[in-house]
Every structure is written in C-alpha cells, then in structure tokens.
C-alpha cells in the first residue's frame, strides 16, 4: 500500500498536508526519512510523524476489505422508474 493512501485513510490527512510533511522531512518509515511521495509500505513497517504525534506499525489486511458495504449492480430495463413522482 502507498504511504500516502494509508495516511489519508487512517488519519484523514489531505494529500497536500502529506506532501508538505514529506518535503519538510517530517515523515519516517523505520526511522528513515521519507523522500519519495510514492513510498510503498510493507507489513511491519513503523511509520512516525513526530509533529503530529503519530507512531504506528503498518499491518496488511488479509483477504477482502470488509470496511466497505457490498455493492449491488442493477441493470434498469426500459420503462422502469426509480422515482415515485415522475409524470412520465
């Protein structure tokens, strides 16, 4: 998983905020400064951002991502209306 994606999902950081932190040398993976915006995370990597008091160990999720609800696809046939107030 990309570091940027992980920080956006887990901590709600914006892309610009993440880029700014990396430019300032404030993001560390395994106690090494991150210099690449597309840094890949491996299971067991320790991510720390001292200015935001973030220190976490990344663990890959196995199997399907259960955080998302199931997706239902529907092919609407001709003449089928979803609205209760459609005059046509």
N, C-alpha and C. Protein backbone atom coordinates (compact mmCIF):
# COMPACT_ATOMS: atom_id res chain seq x y z
N UNK A 1 0.85 -1.17 0.00
CA UNK A 1 0.00 0.00 0.00
C UNK A 1 0.90 1.24 0.00
N UNK A 2 0.44 2.26 -0.69
CA UNK A 2 1.19 3.51 -0.70
C UNK A 2 1.07 4.22 0.65
N UNK A 3 2.15 4.83 1.07
CA UNK A 3 2.16 5.58 2.33
C UNK A 3 1.08 6.65 2.31
N UNK A 4 0.99 7.37 1.18
CA UNK A 4 0.02 8.45 1.05
C UNK A 4 -1.40 7.94 1.27
N UNK A 5 -1.75 6.82 0.67
CA UNK A 5 -3.09 6.25 0.82
C UNK A 5 -3.36 5.84 2.26
N UNK A 6 -2.38 5.23 2.89
CA UNK A 6 -2.52 4.80 4.28
C UNK A 6 -2.79 6.00 5.20
N UNK A 7 -2.02 7.07 5.04
CA UNK A 7 -2.19 8.25 5.89
C UNK A 7 -3.53 8.94 5.64
N UNK A 8 -3.99 8.93 4.40
CA UNK A 8 -5.27 9.54 4.09
C UNK A 8 -6.41 8.75 4.73
N UNK A 9 -6.36 7.44 4.61
CA UNK A 9 -7.45 6.60 5.13
C UNK A 9 -7.43 6.53 6.66
N UNK A 10 -6.28 6.25 7.23
CA UNK A 10 -6.21 6.01 8.68
C UNK A 10 -6.24 7.28 9.53
N UNK A 11 -5.70 8.38 9.02
CA UNK A 11 -5.59 9.58 9.84
C UNK A 11 -6.30 10.79 9.26
N UNK A 12 -6.91 10.65 8.08
CA UNK A 12 -7.66 11.75 7.49
C UNK A 12 -6.81 12.92 7.03
N UNK A 13 -5.54 12.65 6.74
CA UNK A 13 -4.66 13.72 6.27
C UNK A 13 -4.92 13.99 4.80
N UNK A 14 -4.83 15.25 4.40
CA UNK A 14 -5.02 15.59 2.99
C UNK A 14 -3.73 15.31 2.22
N UNK A 15 -3.89 15.17 0.91
CA UNK A 15 -2.73 14.92 0.05
C UNK A 15 -1.72 16.05 0.17
N UNK A 16 -2.19 17.28 0.18
CA UNK A 16 -1.28 18.43 0.30
C UNK A 16 -0.55 18.44 1.64
N UNK A 17 -1.24 18.08 2.68
CA UNK A 17 -0.63 18.04 4.01
C UNK A 17 0.46 16.96 4.04
N UNK A 18 0.20 15.82 3.43
CA UNK A 18 1.19 14.74 3.39
C UNK A 18 2.42 15.17 2.59
N UNK A 19 2.21 15.79 1.43
CA UNK A 19 3.32 16.26 0.60
C UNK A 19 4.15 17.29 1.35
N UNK A 20 3.49 18.20 2.05
CA UNK A 20 4.19 19.21 2.83
C UNK A 20 5.05 18.57 3.93
N UNK A 21 4.49 17.59 4.62
CA UNK A 21 5.24 16.91 5.68
C UNK A 21 6.46 16.18 5.11
N UNK A 22 6.30 15.54 3.95
CA UNK A 22 7.43 14.83 3.32
C UNK A 22 8.50 15.82 2.87
N UNK A 23 8.08 16.95 2.29
CA UNK A 23 9.03 17.98 1.86
C UNK A 23 9.85 18.53 3.03
N UNK A 24 9.23 18.64 4.18
CA UNK A 24 9.90 19.16 5.38
C UNK A 24 10.74 18.10 6.08
N UNK A 25 10.69 16.87 5.61
CA UNK A 25 11.45 15.79 6.24
C UNK A 25 10.85 15.32 7.54
N UNK A 26 9.52 15.42 7.64
CA UNK A 26 8.85 15.08 8.90
C UNK A 26 8.15 13.74 8.92
N UNK A 27 8.37 12.90 7.89
CA UNK A 27 7.74 11.58 7.85
C UNK A 27 8.83 10.52 7.82
N UNK A 28 8.70 9.51 8.70
CA UNK A 28 9.71 8.48 8.81
C UNK A 28 9.10 7.09 8.65
N UNK A 29 9.79 6.23 7.91
CA UNK A 29 9.43 4.82 7.84
C UNK A 29 10.65 4.06 8.34
N UNK A 30 10.44 3.29 9.40
CA UNK A 30 11.53 2.53 10.04
C UNK A 30 12.70 3.45 10.40
N UNK A 31 12.39 4.61 10.93
CA UNK A 31 13.35 5.61 11.42
C UNK A 31 14.22 6.20 10.31
N UNK A 32 13.77 6.09 9.05
CA UNK A 32 14.46 6.72 7.93
C UNK A 32 13.54 7.76 7.32
N UNK A 33 14.09 8.92 6.96
CA UNK A 33 13.29 9.99 6.38
C UNK A 33 12.73 9.56 5.03
N UNK A 34 11.44 9.82 4.83
CA UNK A 34 10.78 9.50 3.56
C UNK A 34 11.06 10.65 2.59
N UNK A 35 11.58 10.32 1.42
CA UNK A 35 11.88 11.34 0.41
C UNK A 35 11.04 11.13 -0.85
N UNK A 36 10.35 10.00 -0.95
CA UNK A 36 9.59 9.67 -2.14
C UNK A 36 8.10 9.73 -1.82
N UNK A 37 7.35 10.45 -2.64
CA UNK A 37 5.91 10.56 -2.43
C UNK A 37 5.19 9.24 -2.64
N UNK A 38 5.80 8.35 -3.40
CA UNK A 38 5.16 7.07 -3.71
C UNK A 38 5.79 5.92 -2.92
N UNK A 39 6.15 6.18 -1.69
CA UNK A 39 6.76 5.16 -0.84
C UNK A 39 5.76 4.04 -0.59
N UNK A 40 6.22 2.81 -0.77
CA UNK A 40 5.40 1.62 -0.54
C UNK A 40 5.61 1.12 0.89
N UNK A 41 4.53 0.69 1.51
CA UNK A 41 4.60 0.14 2.85
C UNK A 41 4.58 -1.38 2.79
N UNK A 42 5.34 -2.00 3.66
CA UNK A 42 5.34 -3.45 3.82
C UNK A 42 4.84 -3.75 5.22
N UNK A 43 4.29 -4.93 5.39
CA UNK A 43 3.79 -5.31 6.70
C UNK A 43 4.91 -5.25 7.73
N UNK A 44 4.66 -4.59 8.84
CA UNK A 44 5.64 -4.46 9.91
C UNK A 44 6.40 -3.14 9.89
N UNK A 45 6.22 -2.32 8.84
CA UNK A 45 6.89 -1.02 8.78
C UNK A 45 6.35 -0.10 9.87
N UNK A 46 7.28 0.63 10.51
CA UNK A 46 6.90 1.58 11.54
C UNK A 46 6.86 2.97 10.93
N UNK A 47 5.69 3.61 10.95
CA UNK A 47 5.52 4.95 10.40
C UNK A 47 5.43 5.92 11.56
N UNK A 48 6.18 7.01 11.46
CA UNK A 48 6.09 8.02 12.50
C UNK A 48 6.15 9.42 11.90
N UNK A 49 5.31 10.29 12.47
CA UNK A 49 5.28 11.70 12.12
C UNK A 49 5.30 12.45 13.45
N UNK A 50 6.49 12.82 13.92
CA UNK A 50 6.60 13.44 15.24
C UNK A 50 5.78 14.72 15.41
N UNK A 51 5.69 15.55 14.38
CA UNK A 51 4.97 16.82 14.52
C UNK A 51 3.47 16.61 14.77
N UNK A 52 2.93 15.48 14.34
CA UNK A 52 1.51 15.17 14.56
C UNK A 52 1.32 14.12 15.65
N UNK A 53 2.43 13.72 16.28
CA UNK A 53 2.41 12.70 17.33
C UNK A 53 1.78 11.39 16.84
N UNK A 54 2.17 11.00 15.61
CA UNK A 54 1.70 9.75 15.03
C UNK A 54 2.85 8.76 15.03
N UNK A 55 2.62 7.58 15.58
CA UNK A 55 3.57 6.49 15.55
C UNK A 55 2.77 5.20 15.48
N UNK A 56 2.88 4.50 14.35
CA UNK A 56 2.05 3.33 14.14
C UNK A 56 2.83 2.29 13.35
N UNK A 57 2.51 1.02 13.57
CA UNK A 57 3.11 -0.07 12.80
C UNK A 57 2.07 -0.52 11.77
N UNK A 58 2.48 -0.54 10.51
CA UNK A 58 1.57 -0.91 9.42
C UNK A 58 1.41 -2.42 9.37
N UNK A 59 0.17 -2.88 9.31
CA UNK A 59 -0.14 -4.30 9.16
C UNK A 59 -1.07 -4.44 7.98
N UNK A 60 -0.68 -5.30 7.03
CA UNK A 60 -1.51 -5.53 5.85
C UNK A 60 -2.77 -6.27 6.24
N UNK A 61 -3.87 -5.88 5.62
CA UNK A 61 -5.13 -6.58 5.84
C UNK A 61 -5.18 -7.75 4.87
N UNK A 62 -5.50 -8.91 5.38
CA UNK A 62 -5.58 -10.11 4.56
C UNK A 62 -7.01 -10.32 4.07
N UNK A 63 -7.15 -10.83 2.86
CA UNK A 63 -8.47 -11.15 2.32
C UNK A 63 -9.21 -9.91 1.85
N UNK A 64 -10.52 -10.05 1.76
CA UNK A 64 -11.37 -8.96 1.27
C UNK A 64 -11.43 -7.83 2.29
N UNK A 65 -11.56 -6.63 1.78
CA UNK A 65 -11.70 -5.47 2.66
C UNK A 65 -13.14 -5.40 3.13
N UNK A 66 -13.37 -5.68 4.39
CA UNK A 66 -14.72 -5.73 4.93
C UNK A 66 -15.21 -4.38 5.42
N UNK A 67 -14.40 -3.32 5.22
CA UNK A 67 -14.81 -1.99 5.64
C UNK A 67 -15.88 -1.41 4.72
N UNK A 68 -15.99 -1.92 3.51
CA UNK A 68 -16.92 -1.38 2.55
C UNK A 68 -18.16 -2.25 2.48
N UNK A 69 -19.35 -1.63 2.32
CA UNK A 69 -20.56 -2.43 2.18
C UNK A 69 -20.56 -3.13 0.83
N UNK A 70 -21.33 -4.21 0.70
CA UNK A 70 -21.39 -4.89 -0.60
C UNK A 70 -22.00 -3.97 -1.65
N UNK A 71 -21.57 -4.14 -2.88
CA UNK A 71 -22.03 -3.32 -3.98
C UNK A 71 -23.08 -4.09 -4.76
N UNK A 72 -24.22 -3.45 -5.00
CA UNK A 72 -25.30 -4.06 -5.76
C UNK A 72 -25.41 -3.33 -7.08
N UNK A 73 -25.30 -4.08 -8.19
CA UNK A 73 -25.45 -3.51 -9.52
C UNK A 73 -26.82 -3.87 -10.05
N UNK A 74 -27.46 -2.92 -10.71
CA UNK A 74 -28.79 -3.15 -11.24
C UNK A 74 -28.87 -2.60 -12.65
N UNK A 75 -29.27 -3.43 -13.60
CA UNK A 75 -29.46 -3.00 -14.97
C UNK A 75 -30.91 -2.60 -15.13
N UNK A 76 -31.16 -1.30 -15.20
CA UNK A 76 -32.52 -0.78 -15.25
C UNK A 76 -33.12 -1.02 -16.64
N UNK A 77 -34.19 -1.81 -16.74
CA UNK A 77 -34.80 -2.04 -18.05
C UNK A 77 -35.58 -0.81 -18.53
N UNK A 78 -35.87 -0.75 -19.85
CA UNK A 78 -36.63 0.35 -20.42
C UNK A 78 -37.99 0.45 -19.72
N UNK A 79 -38.37 1.67 -19.39
CA UNK A 79 -39.67 1.90 -18.78
C UNK A 79 -39.69 1.76 -17.26
N UNK A 80 -38.60 1.34 -16.67
CA UNK A 80 -38.52 1.18 -15.21
C UNK A 80 -38.17 2.53 -14.60
N UNK A 81 -38.95 2.97 -13.60
CA UNK A 81 -38.75 4.27 -12.98
C UNK A 81 -38.40 4.09 -11.50
N UNK A 82 -37.40 4.85 -11.07
CA UNK A 82 -37.00 4.82 -9.66
C UNK A 82 -37.73 5.86 -8.83
N UNK A 83 -38.34 6.83 -9.46
CA UNK A 83 -38.99 7.93 -8.77
C UNK A 83 -40.48 7.62 -8.56
N UNK A 84 -41.02 8.06 -7.45
CA UNK A 84 -42.44 7.89 -7.20
C UNK A 84 -43.24 9.08 -7.72
N UNK A 85 -42.53 10.17 -8.10
CA UNK A 85 -43.22 11.38 -8.55
C UNK A 85 -42.91 11.71 -10.01
N UNK A 86 -42.49 10.75 -10.82
CA UNK A 86 -42.16 11.00 -12.22
C UNK A 86 -43.44 10.96 -13.05
N UNK A 87 -43.82 12.08 -13.72
CA UNK A 87 -45.06 12.09 -14.50
C UNK A 87 -44.94 11.29 -15.80
N UNK A 88 -43.76 10.92 -16.21
CA UNK A 88 -43.59 10.19 -17.47
C UNK A 88 -43.53 8.72 -17.19
